[in-house]
N, C-alpha and C. Protein backbone atom coordinates (compact mmCIF):
# COMPACT_ATOMS: atom_id res chain seq x y z
N MET A 1 29.62 -20.69 -77.91
CA MET A 1 30.81 -21.50 -77.63
C MET A 1 31.86 -21.26 -78.71
N LYS A 2 33.06 -20.90 -78.26
CA LYS A 2 34.13 -20.60 -79.22
C LYS A 2 34.59 -21.87 -79.91
N PRO A 3 34.86 -21.79 -81.23
CA PRO A 3 35.39 -22.96 -81.92
C PRO A 3 36.81 -23.26 -81.46
N LYS A 4 37.20 -24.52 -81.58
CA LYS A 4 38.56 -24.90 -81.20
C LYS A 4 39.57 -24.25 -82.13
N PRO A 5 40.72 -23.82 -81.59
CA PRO A 5 41.77 -23.31 -82.46
C PRO A 5 42.23 -24.40 -83.42
N THR A 6 42.42 -24.05 -84.67
CA THR A 6 42.84 -25.01 -85.69
C THR A 6 44.27 -24.75 -86.11
N ILE A 7 45.07 -25.82 -86.15
CA ILE A 7 46.43 -25.75 -86.67
C ILE A 7 46.42 -26.36 -88.06
N SER A 8 46.74 -25.57 -89.06
CA SER A 8 46.76 -26.06 -90.44
C SER A 8 48.18 -26.36 -90.88
N ILE A 9 48.40 -27.58 -91.35
CA ILE A 9 49.67 -27.97 -91.96
C ILE A 9 49.46 -27.87 -93.47
N ILE A 10 50.23 -27.01 -94.11
CA ILE A 10 50.01 -26.72 -95.52
C ILE A 10 50.59 -27.81 -96.41
N ASP A 11 49.75 -28.34 -97.26
CA ASP A 11 50.15 -29.36 -98.24
C ASP A 11 50.30 -28.69 -99.60
N TYR A 12 51.54 -28.54 -100.05
CA TYR A 12 51.76 -27.94 -101.37
C TYR A 12 52.52 -28.88 -102.31
N GLY A 13 52.42 -30.19 -101.98
CA GLY A 13 52.91 -31.20 -102.90
C GLY A 13 54.33 -31.67 -102.71
N LEU A 14 55.01 -31.19 -101.65
CA LEU A 14 56.39 -31.60 -101.43
C LEU A 14 56.56 -32.16 -100.02
N GLY A 15 57.18 -33.32 -99.94
CA GLY A 15 57.52 -33.88 -98.65
C GLY A 15 56.44 -34.79 -98.09
N ASN A 16 56.88 -35.65 -97.18
CA ASN A 16 55.98 -36.56 -96.48
C ASN A 16 55.45 -35.84 -95.24
N LEU A 17 54.15 -35.64 -95.18
CA LEU A 17 53.56 -34.87 -94.09
C LEU A 17 53.16 -35.74 -92.90
N TYR A 18 53.39 -37.04 -93.00
CA TYR A 18 52.92 -37.95 -91.95
C TYR A 18 53.58 -37.64 -90.61
N SER A 19 54.91 -37.48 -90.60
CA SER A 19 55.63 -37.29 -89.34
C SER A 19 55.22 -36.02 -88.61
N ILE A 20 55.12 -34.91 -89.33
CA ILE A 20 54.75 -33.65 -88.67
C ILE A 20 53.29 -33.68 -88.22
N THR A 21 52.43 -34.32 -89.00
CA THR A 21 51.02 -34.42 -88.61
C THR A 21 50.87 -35.27 -87.35
N LYS A 22 51.57 -36.39 -87.32
CA LYS A 22 51.52 -37.28 -86.15
C LYS A 22 52.04 -36.56 -84.91
N ALA A 23 53.14 -35.82 -85.06
CA ALA A 23 53.72 -35.10 -83.92
C ALA A 23 52.76 -34.05 -83.39
N CYS A 24 52.14 -33.29 -84.28
CA CYS A 24 51.21 -32.24 -83.85
C CYS A 24 49.98 -32.82 -83.16
N ARG A 25 49.53 -33.97 -83.63
CA ARG A 25 48.32 -34.57 -83.06
C ARG A 25 48.55 -35.17 -81.68
N LYS A 26 49.80 -35.22 -81.23
CA LYS A 26 50.08 -35.61 -79.85
C LYS A 26 49.60 -34.53 -78.88
N PHE A 27 49.49 -33.29 -79.39
CA PHE A 27 49.21 -32.15 -78.51
C PHE A 27 47.92 -31.40 -78.86
N SER A 28 47.29 -31.77 -79.97
CA SER A 28 46.04 -31.12 -80.35
C SER A 28 45.21 -32.05 -81.23
N ASP A 29 43.90 -32.03 -81.03
CA ASP A 29 43.02 -32.83 -81.90
C ASP A 29 42.37 -31.96 -82.97
N SER A 30 42.92 -30.74 -83.15
CA SER A 30 42.39 -29.83 -84.16
C SER A 30 43.46 -29.51 -85.21
N VAL A 31 44.13 -30.56 -85.67
CA VAL A 31 45.19 -30.42 -86.68
C VAL A 31 44.64 -30.89 -88.03
N VAL A 32 44.80 -30.07 -89.06
CA VAL A 32 44.36 -30.45 -90.39
C VAL A 32 45.50 -30.29 -91.39
N VAL A 33 45.54 -31.18 -92.36
CA VAL A 33 46.46 -31.05 -93.50
C VAL A 33 45.64 -30.52 -94.66
N THR A 34 46.04 -29.39 -95.22
CA THR A 34 45.16 -28.75 -96.20
C THR A 34 45.91 -27.92 -97.23
N GLU A 35 45.27 -27.76 -98.38
CA GLU A 35 45.72 -26.78 -99.37
C GLU A 35 44.56 -25.83 -99.68
N ASP A 36 43.52 -25.89 -98.88
CA ASP A 36 42.32 -25.08 -99.08
C ASP A 36 42.56 -23.66 -98.54
N PRO A 37 42.53 -22.65 -99.40
CA PRO A 37 42.79 -21.28 -98.96
C PRO A 37 41.88 -20.81 -97.83
N GLU A 38 40.62 -21.20 -97.86
CA GLU A 38 39.68 -20.74 -96.84
C GLU A 38 39.97 -21.37 -95.49
N VAL A 39 40.36 -22.64 -95.50
CA VAL A 39 40.73 -23.30 -94.24
C VAL A 39 41.97 -22.64 -93.66
N ILE A 40 42.95 -22.37 -94.52
CA ILE A 40 44.18 -21.72 -94.07
C ILE A 40 43.87 -20.33 -93.51
N ARG A 41 43.06 -19.59 -94.21
CA ARG A 41 42.73 -18.21 -93.80
C ARG A 41 42.08 -18.17 -92.42
N SER A 42 41.29 -19.18 -92.09
CA SER A 42 40.55 -19.18 -90.82
C SER A 42 41.28 -19.90 -89.70
N SER A 43 42.50 -20.36 -89.94
CA SER A 43 43.25 -21.12 -88.94
C SER A 43 43.79 -20.24 -87.82
N SER A 44 44.10 -20.88 -86.71
CA SER A 44 44.70 -20.17 -85.57
C SER A 44 46.22 -20.16 -85.66
N ALA A 45 46.79 -21.15 -86.34
CA ALA A 45 48.23 -21.24 -86.52
C ALA A 45 48.52 -22.03 -87.79
N LEU A 46 49.66 -21.74 -88.40
CA LEU A 46 50.06 -22.43 -89.62
C LEU A 46 51.41 -23.10 -89.44
N ILE A 47 51.55 -24.26 -90.07
CA ILE A 47 52.85 -24.91 -90.19
C ILE A 47 53.13 -25.12 -91.66
N LEU A 48 54.28 -24.62 -92.10
CA LEU A 48 54.70 -24.75 -93.50
C LEU A 48 55.89 -25.70 -93.53
N PRO A 49 55.66 -26.99 -93.82
CA PRO A 49 56.74 -27.97 -93.83
C PRO A 49 57.37 -28.04 -95.22
N GLY A 50 58.01 -29.15 -95.53
CA GLY A 50 58.51 -29.34 -96.89
C GLY A 50 59.92 -29.87 -96.98
N VAL A 51 60.14 -30.71 -97.97
CA VAL A 51 61.46 -31.22 -98.31
C VAL A 51 61.58 -31.12 -99.82
N GLY A 52 62.65 -30.52 -100.32
CA GLY A 52 62.83 -30.38 -101.76
C GLY A 52 63.54 -29.09 -102.09
N SER A 53 63.44 -28.67 -103.34
CA SER A 53 64.15 -27.47 -103.78
C SER A 53 63.28 -26.22 -103.63
N PHE A 54 63.94 -25.08 -103.51
CA PHE A 54 63.26 -23.80 -103.32
C PHE A 54 62.30 -23.50 -104.46
N GLY A 55 62.78 -23.64 -105.69
CA GLY A 55 61.94 -23.33 -106.85
C GLY A 55 60.70 -24.19 -106.93
N ALA A 56 60.86 -25.49 -106.66
CA ALA A 56 59.71 -26.40 -106.69
C ALA A 56 58.72 -26.05 -105.59
N GLY A 57 59.25 -25.63 -104.43
CA GLY A 57 58.38 -25.27 -103.32
C GLY A 57 57.53 -24.05 -103.62
N ILE A 58 58.15 -23.00 -104.12
CA ILE A 58 57.41 -21.79 -104.47
C ILE A 58 56.40 -22.07 -105.58
N ASP A 59 56.81 -22.90 -106.54
CA ASP A 59 55.90 -23.26 -107.63
C ASP A 59 54.66 -23.98 -107.09
N GLY A 60 54.89 -24.89 -106.12
CA GLY A 60 53.77 -25.61 -105.52
C GLY A 60 52.80 -24.68 -104.81
N LEU A 61 53.33 -23.67 -104.12
CA LEU A 61 52.47 -22.70 -103.45
C LEU A 61 51.72 -21.83 -104.45
N LYS A 62 52.41 -21.41 -105.51
CA LYS A 62 51.77 -20.56 -106.52
C LYS A 62 50.64 -21.30 -107.23
N ARG A 63 50.88 -22.54 -107.61
CA ARG A 63 49.87 -23.30 -108.35
C ARG A 63 48.60 -23.52 -107.54
N ARG A 64 48.75 -23.49 -106.23
CA ARG A 64 47.58 -23.67 -105.35
C ARG A 64 47.00 -22.33 -104.88
N GLY A 65 47.58 -21.24 -105.35
CA GLY A 65 47.08 -19.92 -104.97
C GLY A 65 47.27 -19.58 -103.51
N LEU A 66 48.40 -20.04 -102.92
CA LEU A 66 48.59 -19.90 -101.48
C LEU A 66 49.57 -18.81 -101.07
N VAL A 67 50.30 -18.23 -102.01
CA VAL A 67 51.34 -17.26 -101.65
C VAL A 67 50.74 -16.06 -100.91
N LYS A 68 49.75 -15.44 -101.50
CA LYS A 68 49.14 -14.25 -100.89
C LYS A 68 48.50 -14.57 -99.55
N ILE A 69 47.85 -15.72 -99.46
CA ILE A 69 47.15 -16.10 -98.23
C ILE A 69 48.13 -16.32 -97.09
N ILE A 70 49.27 -16.97 -97.37
CA ILE A 70 50.28 -17.19 -96.33
C ILE A 70 50.86 -15.87 -95.86
N LYS A 71 51.12 -14.96 -96.80
CA LYS A 71 51.67 -13.65 -96.43
C LYS A 71 50.67 -12.86 -95.59
N GLU A 72 49.40 -12.92 -95.95
CA GLU A 72 48.37 -12.24 -95.17
C GLU A 72 48.26 -12.84 -93.77
N PHE A 73 48.39 -14.16 -93.69
CA PHE A 73 48.33 -14.84 -92.40
C PHE A 73 49.48 -14.37 -91.51
N ALA A 74 50.68 -14.31 -92.08
CA ALA A 74 51.85 -13.86 -91.32
C ALA A 74 51.66 -12.43 -90.83
N ASP A 75 51.05 -11.59 -91.65
CA ASP A 75 50.81 -10.19 -91.28
C ASP A 75 49.74 -10.05 -90.20
N SER A 76 48.94 -11.09 -90.01
CA SER A 76 47.82 -11.02 -89.06
C SER A 76 48.28 -11.13 -87.61
N GLY A 77 49.51 -11.57 -87.40
CA GLY A 77 50.01 -11.73 -86.04
C GLY A 77 49.83 -13.11 -85.46
N ARG A 78 49.13 -13.98 -86.18
CA ARG A 78 48.97 -15.35 -85.72
C ARG A 78 50.26 -16.13 -85.97
N PRO A 79 50.56 -17.14 -85.15
CA PRO A 79 51.84 -17.84 -85.27
C PRO A 79 51.95 -18.71 -86.52
N ILE A 80 53.13 -18.67 -87.12
CA ILE A 80 53.42 -19.50 -88.29
C ILE A 80 54.81 -20.10 -88.11
N LEU A 81 54.93 -21.40 -88.36
CA LEU A 81 56.18 -22.12 -88.19
C LEU A 81 56.59 -22.76 -89.51
N GLY A 82 57.77 -22.40 -90.00
CA GLY A 82 58.33 -23.03 -91.19
C GLY A 82 59.35 -24.08 -90.79
N ILE A 83 59.31 -25.21 -91.46
CA ILE A 83 60.23 -26.31 -91.15
C ILE A 83 61.02 -26.67 -92.40
N CYS A 84 62.35 -26.69 -92.28
CA CYS A 84 63.27 -27.06 -93.36
C CYS A 84 62.99 -26.21 -94.61
N LEU A 85 62.55 -26.80 -95.71
CA LEU A 85 62.25 -26.02 -96.90
C LEU A 85 61.19 -24.96 -96.60
N GLY A 86 60.23 -25.30 -95.77
CA GLY A 86 59.18 -24.34 -95.42
C GLY A 86 59.74 -23.08 -94.79
N ALA A 87 60.76 -23.23 -93.94
CA ALA A 87 61.42 -22.06 -93.35
C ALA A 87 62.15 -21.26 -94.42
N GLN A 88 62.82 -21.95 -95.33
CA GLN A 88 63.55 -21.27 -96.40
C GLN A 88 62.62 -20.48 -97.30
N LEU A 89 61.45 -21.02 -97.58
CA LEU A 89 60.50 -20.34 -98.47
C LEU A 89 60.00 -19.02 -97.89
N MET A 90 60.14 -18.83 -96.60
CA MET A 90 59.70 -17.59 -95.98
C MET A 90 60.65 -16.43 -96.27
N MET A 91 61.84 -16.74 -96.79
CA MET A 91 62.81 -15.70 -97.12
C MET A 91 62.45 -15.01 -98.43
N SER A 92 63.20 -13.95 -98.77
CA SER A 92 62.89 -13.14 -99.96
C SER A 92 63.30 -13.82 -101.26
N TRP A 93 64.47 -14.46 -101.24
CA TRP A 93 65.03 -15.05 -102.46
C TRP A 93 65.68 -16.39 -102.17
N GLY A 94 65.62 -17.28 -103.15
CA GLY A 94 66.32 -18.56 -103.07
C GLY A 94 67.17 -18.76 -104.31
N TYR A 95 68.37 -19.30 -104.11
CA TYR A 95 69.32 -19.46 -105.23
C TYR A 95 69.71 -20.92 -105.43
N GLU A 96 68.73 -21.79 -105.30
CA GLU A 96 68.94 -23.22 -105.52
C GLU A 96 68.47 -23.58 -106.93
N PHE A 97 69.42 -23.93 -107.79
CA PHE A 97 69.11 -24.25 -109.20
C PHE A 97 68.45 -23.07 -109.92
N GLY A 98 68.94 -21.87 -109.66
CA GLY A 98 68.37 -20.68 -110.29
C GLY A 98 68.13 -19.58 -109.27
N GLU A 99 67.33 -18.62 -109.64
CA GLU A 99 66.98 -17.51 -108.75
C GLU A 99 65.47 -17.40 -108.68
N PHE A 100 64.93 -17.49 -107.46
CA PHE A 100 63.48 -17.53 -107.28
C PHE A 100 63.05 -16.58 -106.17
N ALA A 101 61.97 -15.86 -106.40
CA ALA A 101 61.39 -15.01 -105.36
C ALA A 101 60.67 -15.87 -104.35
N GLY A 102 60.92 -15.60 -103.06
CA GLY A 102 60.25 -16.34 -102.00
C GLY A 102 59.02 -15.59 -101.49
N LEU A 103 58.58 -15.98 -100.31
CA LEU A 103 57.40 -15.35 -99.72
C LEU A 103 57.69 -13.96 -99.18
N SER A 104 58.96 -13.67 -98.90
CA SER A 104 59.38 -12.37 -98.35
C SER A 104 58.68 -12.04 -97.03
N ILE A 105 58.43 -13.06 -96.24
CA ILE A 105 57.89 -12.84 -94.89
C ILE A 105 59.02 -12.35 -93.98
N VAL A 106 60.20 -12.90 -94.20
CA VAL A 106 61.42 -12.47 -93.51
C VAL A 106 62.42 -12.06 -94.59
N SER A 107 62.97 -10.86 -94.49
CA SER A 107 63.92 -10.40 -95.50
C SER A 107 65.22 -11.20 -95.41
N GLY A 108 65.67 -11.69 -96.55
CA GLY A 108 66.90 -12.48 -96.57
C GLY A 108 66.92 -13.40 -97.77
N LYS A 109 67.90 -14.27 -97.82
CA LYS A 109 68.05 -15.16 -98.96
C LYS A 109 68.46 -16.56 -98.51
N VAL A 110 68.32 -17.49 -99.43
CA VAL A 110 68.71 -18.89 -99.21
C VAL A 110 69.82 -19.20 -100.19
N ILE A 111 70.98 -19.58 -99.65
CA ILE A 111 72.19 -19.74 -100.45
C ILE A 111 72.87 -21.06 -100.14
N LYS A 112 73.90 -21.38 -100.93
CA LYS A 112 74.71 -22.56 -100.65
C LYS A 112 75.47 -22.37 -99.34
N PHE A 113 75.90 -23.49 -98.75
CA PHE A 113 76.80 -23.41 -97.62
C PHE A 113 78.02 -22.58 -97.99
N GLY A 114 78.58 -21.88 -97.01
CA GLY A 114 79.85 -21.20 -97.22
C GLY A 114 80.97 -22.23 -97.31
N LYS A 115 82.19 -21.76 -97.25
CA LYS A 115 83.34 -22.66 -97.38
C LYS A 115 83.33 -23.69 -96.26
N LEU A 116 83.41 -24.96 -96.65
CA LEU A 116 83.39 -26.07 -95.70
C LEU A 116 84.76 -26.73 -95.61
N LEU A 117 85.01 -27.38 -94.50
CA LEU A 117 86.28 -28.09 -94.32
C LEU A 117 86.39 -29.22 -95.34
N PRO A 118 87.61 -29.54 -95.78
CA PRO A 118 87.79 -30.64 -96.75
C PRO A 118 87.15 -31.93 -96.24
N GLY A 119 86.45 -32.63 -97.13
CA GLY A 119 85.82 -33.89 -96.77
C GLY A 119 84.41 -33.75 -96.22
N THR A 120 83.96 -32.51 -96.01
CA THR A 120 82.60 -32.29 -95.50
C THR A 120 81.58 -32.55 -96.61
N LYS A 121 80.60 -33.39 -96.32
CA LYS A 121 79.63 -33.78 -97.34
C LYS A 121 78.40 -32.87 -97.33
N VAL A 122 77.90 -32.61 -98.50
CA VAL A 122 76.64 -31.89 -98.69
C VAL A 122 75.74 -32.79 -99.53
N PRO A 123 74.50 -33.05 -99.10
CA PRO A 123 73.77 -32.35 -98.05
C PRO A 123 74.23 -32.67 -96.63
N HIS A 124 73.90 -31.76 -95.74
CA HIS A 124 74.11 -31.92 -94.31
C HIS A 124 72.99 -32.80 -93.79
N ILE A 125 73.33 -34.03 -93.42
CA ILE A 125 72.32 -34.99 -92.95
C ILE A 125 72.75 -35.53 -91.60
N GLY A 126 71.85 -35.46 -90.63
CA GLY A 126 72.12 -36.06 -89.33
C GLY A 126 71.89 -35.09 -88.18
N TRP A 127 72.30 -35.53 -86.99
CA TRP A 127 72.10 -34.76 -85.77
C TRP A 127 73.19 -33.71 -85.62
N ASN A 128 72.79 -32.53 -85.19
CA ASN A 128 73.75 -31.47 -84.94
C ASN A 128 73.16 -30.55 -83.87
N LYS A 129 74.03 -29.81 -83.23
CA LYS A 129 73.57 -28.96 -82.13
C LYS A 129 73.29 -27.54 -82.60
N ILE A 130 72.36 -26.91 -81.92
CA ILE A 130 72.09 -25.49 -82.16
C ILE A 130 72.64 -24.70 -80.98
N THR A 131 73.06 -23.49 -81.26
CA THR A 131 73.53 -22.58 -80.23
C THR A 131 72.65 -21.34 -80.26
N VAL A 132 71.94 -21.11 -79.18
CA VAL A 132 71.02 -19.97 -79.11
C VAL A 132 71.83 -18.68 -79.04
N LYS A 133 71.53 -17.75 -79.94
CA LYS A 133 72.22 -16.47 -79.99
C LYS A 133 71.41 -15.34 -79.37
N SER A 134 70.10 -15.44 -79.49
CA SER A 134 69.23 -14.38 -79.00
C SER A 134 69.18 -14.36 -77.47
N LYS A 135 69.15 -13.17 -76.91
CA LYS A 135 69.04 -13.03 -75.46
C LYS A 135 67.58 -12.95 -75.01
N LYS A 136 66.68 -12.86 -75.98
CA LYS A 136 65.26 -12.79 -75.67
C LYS A 136 64.71 -14.19 -75.37
N LYS A 137 63.86 -14.28 -74.38
CA LYS A 137 63.20 -15.54 -74.05
C LYS A 137 62.00 -15.74 -74.97
N GLU A 138 61.91 -16.91 -75.57
CA GLU A 138 60.81 -17.22 -76.47
C GLU A 138 60.10 -18.48 -75.97
N PRO A 139 58.78 -18.42 -75.74
CA PRO A 139 58.06 -19.58 -75.21
C PRO A 139 58.23 -20.84 -76.04
N ILE A 140 58.26 -20.70 -77.37
CA ILE A 140 58.35 -21.89 -78.22
C ILE A 140 59.67 -22.63 -78.01
N PHE A 141 60.72 -21.90 -77.63
CA PHE A 141 62.03 -22.52 -77.44
C PHE A 141 62.44 -22.56 -75.98
N SER A 142 61.48 -22.47 -75.08
CA SER A 142 61.78 -22.40 -73.65
C SER A 142 62.41 -23.68 -73.11
N SER A 143 62.20 -24.80 -73.80
CA SER A 143 62.73 -26.08 -73.32
C SER A 143 64.14 -26.35 -73.82
N LEU A 144 64.67 -25.46 -74.65
CA LEU A 144 65.99 -25.69 -75.22
C LEU A 144 67.07 -25.36 -74.20
N GLY A 145 68.08 -26.24 -74.16
CA GLY A 145 69.27 -25.89 -73.41
C GLY A 145 70.11 -24.95 -74.26
N GLU A 146 71.22 -24.51 -73.72
CA GLU A 146 72.08 -23.61 -74.50
C GLU A 146 72.52 -24.30 -75.79
N LYS A 147 72.68 -25.63 -75.70
CA LYS A 147 73.05 -26.39 -76.89
C LYS A 147 72.21 -27.66 -76.93
N SER A 148 71.26 -27.71 -77.86
CA SER A 148 70.40 -28.87 -78.03
C SER A 148 70.62 -29.46 -79.41
N TYR A 149 70.43 -30.77 -79.53
CA TYR A 149 70.67 -31.46 -80.80
C TYR A 149 69.36 -31.72 -81.54
N PHE A 150 69.40 -31.47 -82.87
CA PHE A 150 68.25 -31.69 -83.73
C PHE A 150 68.69 -32.38 -85.02
N TYR A 151 67.70 -32.89 -85.76
CA TYR A 151 67.99 -33.64 -86.99
C TYR A 151 67.85 -32.74 -88.22
N PHE A 152 68.91 -32.72 -89.04
CA PHE A 152 68.98 -31.86 -90.23
C PHE A 152 69.05 -32.68 -91.51
N VAL A 153 68.45 -32.16 -92.57
CA VAL A 153 68.62 -32.68 -93.94
C VAL A 153 68.49 -31.49 -94.89
N HIS A 154 69.62 -30.95 -95.36
CA HIS A 154 69.54 -29.78 -96.26
C HIS A 154 70.88 -29.52 -96.93
N SER A 155 70.80 -28.82 -98.07
CA SER A 155 71.99 -28.45 -98.84
C SER A 155 72.19 -26.95 -98.91
N TYR A 156 71.14 -26.18 -98.60
CA TYR A 156 71.20 -24.72 -98.65
C TYR A 156 70.84 -24.16 -97.28
N VAL A 157 71.22 -22.91 -97.04
CA VAL A 157 71.03 -22.32 -95.72
C VAL A 157 70.36 -20.95 -95.82
N MET A 158 69.69 -20.56 -94.74
CA MET A 158 69.03 -19.25 -94.67
C MET A 158 70.03 -18.18 -94.24
N GLN A 159 69.92 -17.02 -94.84
CA GLN A 159 70.76 -15.87 -94.47
C GLN A 159 69.86 -14.64 -94.31
N PRO A 160 69.30 -14.44 -93.10
CA PRO A 160 68.44 -13.28 -92.88
C PRO A 160 69.21 -11.98 -93.07
N GLU A 161 68.51 -10.98 -93.59
CA GLU A 161 69.12 -9.67 -93.81
C GLU A 161 69.47 -9.00 -92.49
N ASP A 162 68.59 -9.13 -91.51
CA ASP A 162 68.79 -8.54 -90.19
C ASP A 162 69.24 -9.63 -89.22
N SER A 163 70.43 -9.48 -88.66
CA SER A 163 70.97 -10.51 -87.77
C SER A 163 70.11 -10.69 -86.52
N LYS A 164 69.27 -9.70 -86.20
CA LYS A 164 68.39 -9.84 -85.03
C LYS A 164 67.36 -10.95 -85.22
N ASN A 165 67.14 -11.34 -86.47
CA ASN A 165 66.20 -12.42 -86.75
C ASN A 165 66.83 -13.81 -86.67
N ILE A 166 68.13 -13.86 -86.38
CA ILE A 166 68.81 -15.14 -86.18
C ILE A 166 68.69 -15.51 -84.71
N PHE A 167 67.84 -16.48 -84.41
CA PHE A 167 67.65 -16.89 -83.02
C PHE A 167 68.71 -17.88 -82.59
N ALA A 168 69.12 -18.76 -83.51
CA ALA A 168 70.13 -19.77 -83.18
C ALA A 168 70.94 -20.13 -84.42
N THR A 169 72.15 -20.62 -84.18
CA THR A 169 73.04 -21.04 -85.27
C THR A 169 73.52 -22.46 -85.04
N THR A 170 74.06 -23.04 -86.10
CA THR A 170 74.64 -24.38 -86.05
C THR A 170 75.92 -24.37 -86.87
N ASN A 171 76.90 -25.15 -86.42
CA ASN A 171 78.17 -25.25 -87.15
C ASN A 171 78.22 -26.58 -87.89
N TYR A 172 78.55 -26.50 -89.16
CA TYR A 172 78.73 -27.72 -89.96
C TYR A 172 79.94 -27.54 -90.85
N GLY A 173 80.91 -28.41 -90.68
CA GLY A 173 82.11 -28.35 -91.51
C GLY A 173 82.86 -27.05 -91.40
N GLY A 174 82.84 -26.45 -90.20
CA GLY A 174 83.53 -25.18 -89.99
C GLY A 174 82.75 -23.97 -90.44
N ASN A 175 81.52 -24.18 -90.88
CA ASN A 175 80.68 -23.09 -91.36
C ASN A 175 79.49 -22.90 -90.42
N SER A 176 79.33 -21.69 -89.89
CA SER A 176 78.22 -21.40 -88.99
C SER A 176 77.05 -20.86 -89.80
N PHE A 177 75.88 -21.48 -89.65
CA PHE A 177 74.71 -21.03 -90.40
C PHE A 177 73.52 -20.83 -89.48
N CYS A 178 72.54 -20.09 -89.96
CA CYS A 178 71.32 -19.82 -89.20
C CYS A 178 70.44 -21.07 -89.17
N SER A 179 70.15 -21.58 -87.98
CA SER A 179 69.31 -22.78 -87.88
C SER A 179 67.92 -22.49 -87.32
N ILE A 180 67.72 -21.31 -86.71
CA ILE A 180 66.39 -20.87 -86.29
C ILE A 180 66.24 -19.39 -86.60
N ILE A 181 65.15 -19.04 -87.30
CA ILE A 181 64.82 -17.63 -87.48
C ILE A 181 63.61 -17.28 -86.63
N LYS A 182 63.57 -16.05 -86.18
CA LYS A 182 62.46 -15.58 -85.33
C LYS A 182 62.23 -14.11 -85.63
N GLN A 183 61.02 -13.80 -86.06
CA GLN A 183 60.64 -12.41 -86.33
C GLN A 183 59.18 -12.24 -85.91
N GLY A 184 58.98 -11.68 -84.74
CA GLY A 184 57.61 -11.51 -84.25
C GLY A 184 56.89 -12.84 -84.09
N ASN A 185 55.79 -13.00 -84.82
CA ASN A 185 54.99 -14.23 -84.76
C ASN A 185 55.49 -15.31 -85.72
N ILE A 186 56.63 -15.05 -86.36
CA ILE A 186 57.14 -15.95 -87.41
C ILE A 186 58.34 -16.72 -86.89
N TYR A 187 58.28 -18.05 -87.04
CA TYR A 187 59.35 -18.93 -86.58
C TYR A 187 59.77 -19.83 -87.74
N GLY A 188 61.06 -20.10 -87.84
CA GLY A 188 61.54 -21.01 -88.87
C GLY A 188 62.67 -21.87 -88.36
N CYS A 189 62.57 -23.17 -88.56
CA CYS A 189 63.60 -24.12 -88.13
C CYS A 189 64.21 -24.80 -89.35
N GLN A 190 65.53 -24.72 -89.49
CA GLN A 190 66.17 -25.42 -90.60
C GLN A 190 66.13 -26.93 -90.38
N PHE A 191 66.08 -27.34 -89.14
CA PHE A 191 66.03 -28.76 -88.78
C PHE A 191 64.58 -29.26 -88.80
N HIS A 192 64.43 -30.55 -88.54
CA HIS A 192 63.10 -31.18 -88.48
C HIS A 192 62.76 -31.48 -87.02
N PRO A 193 61.97 -30.65 -86.35
CA PRO A 193 61.62 -30.95 -84.96
C PRO A 193 60.84 -32.25 -84.83
N GLU A 194 60.05 -32.58 -85.84
CA GLU A 194 59.22 -33.79 -85.79
C GLU A 194 60.05 -35.07 -85.88
N LYS A 195 61.33 -34.94 -86.25
CA LYS A 195 62.22 -36.09 -86.35
C LYS A 195 63.36 -36.00 -85.34
N SER A 196 63.20 -35.13 -84.34
CA SER A 196 64.29 -34.83 -83.41
C SER A 196 64.02 -35.29 -81.98
N GLY A 197 63.24 -36.35 -81.84
CA GLY A 197 63.01 -36.91 -80.51
C GLY A 197 62.25 -35.98 -79.58
N GLU A 198 62.49 -36.15 -78.27
CA GLU A 198 61.74 -35.42 -77.26
C GLU A 198 61.95 -33.91 -77.33
N VAL A 199 63.19 -33.49 -77.59
CA VAL A 199 63.44 -32.04 -77.63
C VAL A 199 62.70 -31.40 -78.81
N GLY A 200 62.60 -32.11 -79.92
CA GLY A 200 61.85 -31.61 -81.06
C GLY A 200 60.36 -31.55 -80.79
N LEU A 201 59.84 -32.58 -80.12
CA LEU A 201 58.41 -32.59 -79.78
C LEU A 201 58.06 -31.45 -78.84
N LYS A 202 59.00 -31.07 -77.98
CA LYS A 202 58.74 -29.94 -77.08
C LYS A 202 58.60 -28.63 -77.86
N VAL A 203 59.39 -28.48 -78.92
CA VAL A 203 59.26 -27.29 -79.76
C VAL A 203 57.86 -27.24 -80.39
N ILE A 204 57.41 -28.38 -80.90
CA ILE A 204 56.08 -28.44 -81.51
C ILE A 204 54.99 -28.19 -80.46
N LYS A 205 55.14 -28.80 -79.30
CA LYS A 205 54.17 -28.60 -78.21
C LYS A 205 54.09 -27.12 -77.82
N ASN A 206 55.26 -26.49 -77.68
CA ASN A 206 55.29 -25.08 -77.29
C ASN A 206 54.71 -24.17 -78.38
N PHE A 207 54.92 -24.55 -79.64
CA PHE A 207 54.33 -23.76 -80.73
C PHE A 207 52.81 -23.82 -80.66
N ILE A 208 52.28 -25.01 -80.46
CA ILE A 208 50.82 -25.16 -80.38
C ILE A 208 50.25 -24.40 -79.18
N ARG A 209 51.02 -24.34 -78.11
CA ARG A 209 50.59 -23.60 -76.92
C ARG A 209 50.46 -22.09 -77.16
N LEU A 210 51.09 -21.60 -78.22
CA LEU A 210 51.02 -20.16 -78.52
C LEU A 210 49.60 -19.72 -78.84
N ILE A 211 48.76 -20.67 -79.26
CA ILE A 211 47.39 -20.30 -79.62
C ILE A 211 46.45 -20.52 -78.44
């Protein structure tokens, strides 16, 4: 008898994991929150969440010995989803309070917002719409309309090196930024699907269905 597919939510010391764990458990009873390398290595899918700064995030992964394991997992072809800071950490470099090497799962960098309209506040907090740019159909995002609204909380943005990895964008203060990255089995959302109502839950449900 085959074991049940396991979805591992990586705990590296940043952010409240309750919301994403609760959301995932609506669709699977094989969800674990872990920092155990062996559990992560044997998982069917990974979720890398997180709220905080890029440097602190990478430091948390390094101290737990998880950098190499996450990169190996991404190379294995199994699905991995980064959320907010977790998505940013998948890039090559981050420039928040310094310069830090990321996981380099997706080539690119994490930078400050570009020029914003006068009076625009940073961090970007609240509901905003995404505009799908990719012409490819992706099962995880099959429930999205051309413009769907999600909940954001961030001060820095992802800038993939290859524009083909930009699945969707969002406009904030006159500045268009990458809000979804997609590269093979790798997915990253700048927004929080677990805090984005029904449309966000559909993204999580569709991700779990990939396994």
